[in-house]
Amino acid sequence: MPNPQQCKFAKTHEWIASDGTIGISDHAQKEMTDVVFVDLPKVGLEVKAGDACAVVESVKAAFDIYSPVSGKITKVNQAVSKKPALVNQSPYENGWLFVIEKSNPAEEAVLLSLTDYEKFIEEETNGH
């Protein structure tokens, strides 16, 4: 189970763990409210950093999920397909979305630490 302190975050609210596991942040799941459907990428799909590769739908709207890094999807979390509420209940533990085999680990350098991500949210929320 990834520790948010050790994850890197994209400004589009996805997190990535050192092993390539990707999900959405606790902040994002709260903003989305009740997740009712998750459309996961196909295993084997090659994505570039910033590509929309999954969709999370809530009672409010559908949200594209972007890959924070480039690589190949190696695993998807079927549990969230069957029980989308896991994304709300446990965004870092059981509600992860997919795993990527990173093709360019240097891309992680532009991602934010948890502290920087929290500052980014605060600035975004306060409109600075």
N, C-alpha and C. Protein backbone atom coordinates (compact mmCIF):
# COMPACT_ATOMS: atom_id res chain seq x y z
N MET A 1 0.85 -1.18 0.00
CA MET A 1 0.00 0.00 0.00
C MET A 1 0.90 1.24 0.00
N PRO A 2 0.73 2.10 -0.98
CA PRO A 2 1.60 3.28 -1.06
C PRO A 2 1.34 4.27 0.07
N ASN A 3 2.40 4.83 0.55
CA ASN A 3 2.31 5.89 1.56
C ASN A 3 2.29 7.22 0.80
N PRO A 4 1.25 8.04 0.98
CA PRO A 4 1.19 9.32 0.24
C PRO A 4 2.45 10.16 0.40
N GLN A 5 3.13 10.04 1.55
CA GLN A 5 4.36 10.80 1.78
C GLN A 5 5.45 10.42 0.77
N GLN A 6 5.38 9.18 0.26
CA GLN A 6 6.42 8.70 -0.65
C GLN A 6 5.97 8.74 -2.11
N CYS A 7 4.75 9.19 -2.35
CA CYS A 7 4.25 9.28 -3.73
C CYS A 7 4.62 10.63 -4.33
N LYS A 8 4.57 10.67 -5.65
CA LYS A 8 4.72 11.93 -6.39
C LYS A 8 3.34 12.26 -6.95
N PHE A 9 3.05 13.56 -7.08
CA PHE A 9 1.72 13.99 -7.50
C PHE A 9 1.80 14.87 -8.74
N ALA A 10 0.80 14.69 -9.62
CA ALA A 10 0.66 15.56 -10.79
C ALA A 10 -0.33 16.66 -10.43
N LYS A 11 -0.22 17.79 -11.12
CA LYS A 11 -1.16 18.89 -10.87
C LYS A 11 -2.57 18.55 -11.32
N THR A 12 -2.71 17.42 -12.03
CA THR A 12 -4.04 16.94 -12.44
C THR A 12 -4.60 15.97 -11.40
N HIS A 13 -3.94 15.86 -10.24
CA HIS A 13 -4.41 15.14 -9.05
C HIS A 13 -4.23 13.63 -9.06
N GLU A 14 -3.34 13.12 -9.93
CA GLU A 14 -2.99 11.71 -9.87
C GLU A 14 -1.73 11.57 -9.00
N TRP A 15 -1.59 10.41 -8.38
CA TRP A 15 -0.35 10.09 -7.65
C TRP A 15 0.30 8.87 -8.30
N ILE A 16 1.60 8.79 -8.13
CA ILE A 16 2.34 7.61 -8.59
C ILE A 16 3.30 7.20 -7.47
N ALA A 17 3.30 5.91 -7.20
CA ALA A 17 4.20 5.34 -6.20
C ALA A 17 5.49 4.91 -6.91
N SER A 18 6.53 4.64 -6.15
CA SER A 18 7.82 4.28 -6.74
C SER A 18 7.73 3.02 -7.60
N ASP A 19 6.77 2.13 -7.30
CA ASP A 19 6.63 0.89 -8.08
C ASP A 19 5.79 1.08 -9.34
N GLY A 20 5.33 2.33 -9.61
CA GLY A 20 4.54 2.59 -10.81
C GLY A 20 3.04 2.51 -10.61
N THR A 21 2.60 2.24 -9.38
CA THR A 21 1.16 2.22 -9.10
C THR A 21 0.63 3.65 -9.17
N ILE A 22 -0.54 3.81 -9.81
CA ILE A 22 -1.12 5.14 -10.02
C ILE A 22 -2.56 5.15 -9.53
N GLY A 23 -2.94 6.26 -8.92
CA GLY A 23 -4.32 6.45 -8.47
C GLY A 23 -4.62 7.93 -8.43
N ILE A 24 -5.75 8.29 -7.83
CA ILE A 24 -6.06 9.72 -7.68
C ILE A 24 -5.92 10.10 -6.21
N SER A 25 -5.62 11.36 -5.99
CA SER A 25 -5.37 11.83 -4.63
C SER A 25 -6.63 11.85 -3.79
N ASP A 26 -6.43 11.89 -2.48
CA ASP A 26 -7.53 11.99 -1.55
C ASP A 26 -8.32 13.27 -1.83
N HIS A 27 -7.60 14.35 -2.13
CA HIS A 27 -8.25 15.63 -2.47
C HIS A 27 -9.17 15.44 -3.68
N ALA A 28 -8.68 14.77 -4.72
CA ALA A 28 -9.46 14.58 -5.94
C ALA A 28 -10.72 13.76 -5.67
N GLN A 29 -10.59 12.68 -4.90
CA GLN A 29 -11.77 11.85 -4.66
C GLN A 29 -12.81 12.63 -3.86
N LYS A 30 -12.37 13.52 -2.95
CA LYS A 30 -13.33 14.33 -2.18
C LYS A 30 -14.05 15.33 -3.10
N GLU A 31 -13.29 15.91 -4.05
CA GLU A 31 -13.88 16.86 -4.99
C GLU A 31 -14.89 16.17 -5.92
N MET A 32 -14.57 14.95 -6.32
CA MET A 32 -15.46 14.21 -7.23
C MET A 32 -16.74 13.77 -6.55
N THR A 33 -16.70 13.58 -5.26
CA THR A 33 -17.76 12.99 -4.44
C THR A 33 -17.91 11.51 -4.79
N ASP A 34 -19.13 10.99 -4.84
CA ASP A 34 -19.33 9.55 -4.94
C ASP A 34 -18.98 8.99 -6.31
N VAL A 35 -17.91 8.18 -6.35
CA VAL A 35 -17.49 7.55 -7.60
C VAL A 35 -18.44 6.38 -7.89
N VAL A 36 -19.00 6.36 -9.11
CA VAL A 36 -19.98 5.33 -9.48
C VAL A 36 -19.48 4.42 -10.60
N PHE A 37 -18.42 4.81 -11.31
CA PHE A 37 -17.93 4.01 -12.42
C PHE A 37 -16.47 4.34 -12.67
N VAL A 38 -15.67 3.31 -12.98
CA VAL A 38 -14.27 3.51 -13.33
C VAL A 38 -14.00 2.78 -14.64
N ASP A 39 -13.48 3.50 -15.63
CA ASP A 39 -13.10 2.92 -16.92
C ASP A 39 -11.57 2.87 -16.94
N LEU A 40 -11.02 1.68 -16.79
CA LEU A 40 -9.57 1.50 -16.68
C LEU A 40 -8.94 1.33 -18.06
N PRO A 41 -7.64 1.65 -18.17
CA PRO A 41 -6.95 1.43 -19.45
C PRO A 41 -6.73 -0.07 -19.68
N LYS A 42 -6.40 -0.42 -20.91
CA LYS A 42 -6.10 -1.82 -21.25
C LYS A 42 -4.65 -2.13 -20.86
N VAL A 43 -4.43 -3.32 -20.33
CA VAL A 43 -3.07 -3.78 -20.05
C VAL A 43 -2.33 -3.85 -21.39
N GLY A 44 -1.10 -3.34 -21.40
CA GLY A 44 -0.31 -3.34 -22.63
C GLY A 44 -0.35 -2.00 -23.36
N LEU A 45 -1.29 -1.12 -22.96
CA LEU A 45 -1.40 0.20 -23.59
C LEU A 45 -0.15 1.02 -23.30
N GLU A 46 0.41 1.63 -24.34
CA GLU A 46 1.56 2.52 -24.17
C GLU A 46 1.01 3.94 -24.05
N VAL A 47 1.42 4.65 -23.01
CA VAL A 47 0.94 6.03 -22.81
C VAL A 47 2.12 6.97 -22.64
N LYS A 48 1.88 8.22 -22.94
CA LYS A 48 2.87 9.28 -22.71
C LYS A 48 2.43 10.05 -21.47
N ALA A 49 3.37 10.69 -20.81
CA ALA A 49 3.03 11.51 -19.65
C ALA A 49 1.99 12.55 -20.08
N GLY A 50 0.92 12.66 -19.31
CA GLY A 50 -0.13 13.62 -19.62
C GLY A 50 -1.25 13.07 -20.48
N ASP A 51 -1.11 11.83 -20.98
CA ASP A 51 -2.19 11.23 -21.77
C ASP A 51 -3.36 10.85 -20.87
N ALA A 52 -4.58 11.14 -21.33
CA ALA A 52 -5.77 10.65 -20.63
C ALA A 52 -5.85 9.16 -20.92
N CYS A 53 -5.91 8.33 -19.88
CA CYS A 53 -5.91 6.89 -20.13
C CYS A 53 -6.95 6.14 -19.32
N ALA A 54 -7.68 6.84 -18.47
CA ALA A 54 -8.75 6.22 -17.69
C ALA A 54 -9.80 7.28 -17.43
N VAL A 55 -10.98 6.84 -17.01
CA VAL A 55 -12.06 7.78 -16.68
C VAL A 55 -12.67 7.34 -15.36
N VAL A 56 -12.88 8.31 -14.48
CA VAL A 56 -13.58 8.05 -13.23
C VAL A 56 -14.85 8.89 -13.28
N GLU A 57 -15.98 8.22 -13.11
CA GLU A 57 -17.26 8.94 -13.12
C GLU A 57 -17.82 8.98 -11.71
N SER A 58 -18.31 10.16 -11.36
CA SER A 58 -18.96 10.30 -10.06
C SER A 58 -20.40 10.71 -10.31
N VAL A 59 -21.13 10.93 -9.23
CA VAL A 59 -22.50 11.39 -9.40
C VAL A 59 -22.52 12.79 -10.01
N LYS A 60 -21.41 13.50 -9.91
CA LYS A 60 -21.30 14.87 -10.46
C LYS A 60 -20.98 14.90 -11.95
N ALA A 61 -19.93 14.17 -12.35
CA ALA A 61 -19.41 14.29 -13.72
C ALA A 61 -18.41 13.17 -13.98
N ALA A 62 -17.90 13.13 -15.21
CA ALA A 62 -16.84 12.18 -15.58
C ALA A 62 -15.52 12.95 -15.59
N PHE A 63 -14.48 12.33 -15.08
CA PHE A 63 -13.17 12.97 -14.99
C PHE A 63 -12.13 12.11 -15.70
N ASP A 64 -11.39 12.71 -16.63
CA ASP A 64 -10.28 12.00 -17.25
C ASP A 64 -9.17 11.83 -16.23
N ILE A 65 -8.52 10.69 -16.28
CA ILE A 65 -7.36 10.41 -15.44
C ILE A 65 -6.16 10.36 -16.37
N TYR A 66 -5.15 11.15 -16.04
CA TYR A 66 -3.97 11.30 -16.88
C TYR A 66 -2.80 10.52 -16.29
N SER A 67 -2.01 9.92 -17.16
CA SER A 67 -0.83 9.22 -16.67
C SER A 67 0.24 10.25 -16.31
N PRO A 68 0.77 10.19 -15.10
CA PRO A 68 1.80 11.17 -14.71
C PRO A 68 3.14 10.95 -15.40
N VAL A 69 3.36 9.75 -15.94
CA VAL A 69 4.62 9.43 -16.62
C VAL A 69 4.33 8.59 -17.87
N SER A 70 5.32 8.47 -18.73
CA SER A 70 5.21 7.63 -19.93
C SER A 70 5.55 6.19 -19.58
N GLY A 71 4.95 5.26 -20.33
CA GLY A 71 5.28 3.86 -20.13
C GLY A 71 4.18 2.96 -20.62
N LYS A 72 4.24 1.71 -20.16
CA LYS A 72 3.28 0.70 -20.58
C LYS A 72 2.46 0.25 -19.37
N ILE A 73 1.13 0.20 -19.55
CA ILE A 73 0.25 -0.27 -18.49
C ILE A 73 0.49 -1.77 -18.31
N THR A 74 0.84 -2.19 -17.08
CA THR A 74 1.15 -3.60 -16.84
C THR A 74 0.08 -4.30 -16.00
N LYS A 75 -0.75 -3.52 -15.31
CA LYS A 75 -1.75 -4.11 -14.42
C LYS A 75 -2.85 -3.09 -14.18
N VAL A 76 -4.09 -3.54 -14.03
CA VAL A 76 -5.19 -2.66 -13.66
C VAL A 76 -5.88 -3.23 -12.43
N ASN A 77 -6.52 -2.38 -11.67
CA ASN A 77 -7.20 -2.80 -10.44
C ASN A 77 -8.65 -3.13 -10.75
N GLN A 78 -8.90 -4.42 -11.03
CA GLN A 78 -10.27 -4.85 -11.36
C GLN A 78 -11.24 -4.60 -10.21
N ALA A 79 -10.73 -4.55 -8.98
CA ALA A 79 -11.60 -4.34 -7.82
C ALA A 79 -12.37 -3.02 -7.93
N VAL A 80 -11.73 -1.97 -8.49
CA VAL A 80 -12.45 -0.68 -8.59
C VAL A 80 -13.48 -0.70 -9.72
N SER A 81 -13.33 -1.60 -10.67
CA SER A 81 -14.36 -1.76 -11.71
C SER A 81 -15.62 -2.34 -11.08
N LYS A 82 -15.42 -3.30 -10.19
CA LYS A 82 -16.55 -3.97 -9.54
C LYS A 82 -17.13 -3.10 -8.41
N LYS A 83 -16.26 -2.36 -7.72
CA LYS A 83 -16.69 -1.57 -6.56
C LYS A 83 -16.04 -0.18 -6.64
N PRO A 84 -16.58 0.71 -7.50
CA PRO A 84 -15.97 2.03 -7.71
C PRO A 84 -15.81 2.86 -6.42
N ALA A 85 -16.64 2.60 -5.41
CA ALA A 85 -16.56 3.36 -4.15
C ALA A 85 -15.21 3.19 -3.46
N LEU A 86 -14.44 2.16 -3.84
CA LEU A 86 -13.10 1.99 -3.25
C LEU A 86 -12.23 3.22 -3.49
N VAL A 87 -12.47 3.89 -4.63
CA VAL A 87 -11.69 5.10 -4.94
C VAL A 87 -11.92 6.16 -3.87
N ASN A 88 -13.16 6.27 -3.38
CA ASN A 88 -13.48 7.23 -2.31
C ASN A 88 -12.99 6.73 -0.96
N GLN A 89 -13.24 5.46 -0.70
CA GLN A 89 -12.96 4.92 0.63
C GLN A 89 -11.47 4.80 0.92
N SER A 90 -10.68 4.55 -0.11
CA SER A 90 -9.29 4.18 0.11
C SER A 90 -8.45 4.54 -1.11
N PRO A 91 -8.29 5.85 -1.41
CA PRO A 91 -7.62 6.24 -2.65
C PRO A 91 -6.16 5.77 -2.78
N TYR A 92 -5.49 5.52 -1.66
CA TYR A 92 -4.09 5.09 -1.73
C TYR A 92 -3.92 3.59 -1.52
N GLU A 93 -4.89 2.93 -0.89
CA GLU A 93 -4.72 1.51 -0.56
C GLU A 93 -5.44 0.63 -1.57
N ASN A 94 -6.76 0.55 -1.45
CA ASN A 94 -7.52 -0.36 -2.31
C ASN A 94 -8.06 0.30 -3.56
N GLY A 95 -8.05 1.63 -3.60
CA GLY A 95 -8.66 2.35 -4.72
C GLY A 95 -7.69 2.80 -5.80
N TRP A 96 -6.49 2.22 -5.82
CA TRP A 96 -5.53 2.55 -6.90
C TRP A 96 -6.14 2.14 -8.24
N LEU A 97 -5.64 2.69 -9.33
CA LEU A 97 -6.26 2.44 -10.64
C LEU A 97 -5.46 1.50 -11.53
N PHE A 98 -4.16 1.79 -11.73
CA PHE A 98 -3.36 0.94 -12.62
C PHE A 98 -1.89 1.07 -12.28
N VAL A 99 -1.10 0.16 -12.86
CA VAL A 99 0.35 0.14 -12.66
C VAL A 99 0.99 0.36 -14.02
N ILE A 100 2.04 1.18 -14.04
CA ILE A 100 2.74 1.48 -15.29
C ILE A 100 4.20 1.08 -15.15
N GLU A 101 4.74 0.53 -16.23
CA GLU A 101 6.18 0.26 -16.31
C GLU A 101 6.76 1.53 -16.93
N LYS A 102 7.47 2.30 -16.13
CA LYS A 102 7.96 3.61 -16.56
C LYS A 102 9.01 3.48 -17.67
N SER A 103 8.83 4.25 -18.72
CA SER A 103 9.83 4.22 -19.80
C SER A 103 10.82 5.37 -19.68
N ASN A 104 10.46 6.38 -18.88
CA ASN A 104 11.35 7.52 -18.71
C ASN A 104 11.24 8.03 -17.27
N PRO A 105 11.91 7.36 -16.33
CA PRO A 105 11.79 7.72 -14.92
C PRO A 105 12.14 9.19 -14.62
N ALA A 106 12.91 9.83 -15.50
CA ALA A 106 13.27 11.23 -15.29
C ALA A 106 12.04 12.14 -15.30
N GLU A 107 10.95 11.68 -15.92
CA GLU A 107 9.73 12.50 -15.95
C GLU A 107 9.18 12.77 -14.55
N GLU A 108 9.51 11.90 -13.61
CA GLU A 108 9.02 12.08 -12.25
C GLU A 108 9.59 13.34 -11.60
N ALA A 109 10.67 13.85 -12.15
CA ALA A 109 11.30 15.05 -11.57
C ALA A 109 10.36 16.26 -11.59
N VAL A 110 9.41 16.29 -12.52
CA VAL A 110 8.49 17.44 -12.59
C VAL A 110 7.27 17.26 -11.69
N LEU A 111 7.12 16.07 -11.12
CA LEU A 111 5.97 15.82 -10.25
C LEU A 111 6.23 16.39 -8.86
N LEU A 112 5.16 16.57 -8.10
CA LEU A 112 5.24 17.24 -6.81
C LEU A 112 5.32 16.25 -5.65
N SER A 113 6.02 16.66 -4.60
CA SER A 113 5.98 15.88 -3.36
C SER A 113 4.61 16.13 -2.73
N LEU A 114 4.25 15.36 -1.72
CA LEU A 114 2.97 15.55 -1.04
C LEU A 114 2.87 16.98 -0.48
N THR A 115 3.93 17.46 0.12
CA THR A 115 3.94 18.82 0.69
C THR A 115 3.70 19.86 -0.39
N ASP A 116 4.41 19.74 -1.51
CA ASP A 116 4.25 20.71 -2.61
C ASP A 116 2.87 20.59 -3.25
N TYR A 117 2.36 19.37 -3.32
CA TYR A 117 1.02 19.15 -3.88
C TYR A 117 -0.03 19.82 -2.99
N GLU A 118 0.12 19.66 -1.67
CA GLU A 118 -0.83 20.30 -0.74
C GLU A 118 -0.78 21.82 -0.86
N LYS A 119 0.43 22.39 -1.05
CA LYS A 119 0.56 23.84 -1.27
C LYS A 119 -0.14 24.24 -2.56
N PHE A 120 0.04 23.43 -3.61
CA PHE A 120 -0.58 23.69 -4.90
C PHE A 120 -2.12 23.71 -4.76
N ILE A 121 -2.68 22.74 -4.03
CA ILE A 121 -4.13 22.69 -3.82
C ILE A 121 -4.60 23.93 -3.08
N GLU A 122 -3.86 24.31 -2.06
CA GLU A 122 -4.21 25.49 -1.26
C GLU A 122 -4.23 26.73 -2.14
N GLU A 123 -3.22 26.88 -2.98
CA GLU A 123 -3.15 28.05 -3.89
C GLU A 123 -4.30 28.01 -4.89
N GLU A 124 -4.59 26.81 -5.42
CA GLU A 124 -5.67 26.63 -6.38
C GLU A 124 -7.02 26.96 -5.74
N THR A 125 -7.21 26.47 -4.51
CA THR A 125 -8.46 26.67 -3.78
C THR A 125 -8.67 28.14 -3.41
N ASN A 126 -7.58 28.77 -3.02
CA ASN A 126 -7.68 30.18 -2.62
C ASN A 126 -7.55 31.15 -3.79
N GLY A 127 -7.35 30.59 -4.97
CA GLY A 127 -7.30 31.42 -6.19
C GLY A 127 -6.11 32.35 -6.29
N HIS A 128 -4.96 31.92 -5.76
CA HIS A 128 -3.75 32.77 -5.85
C HIS A 128 -2.99 32.50 -7.10
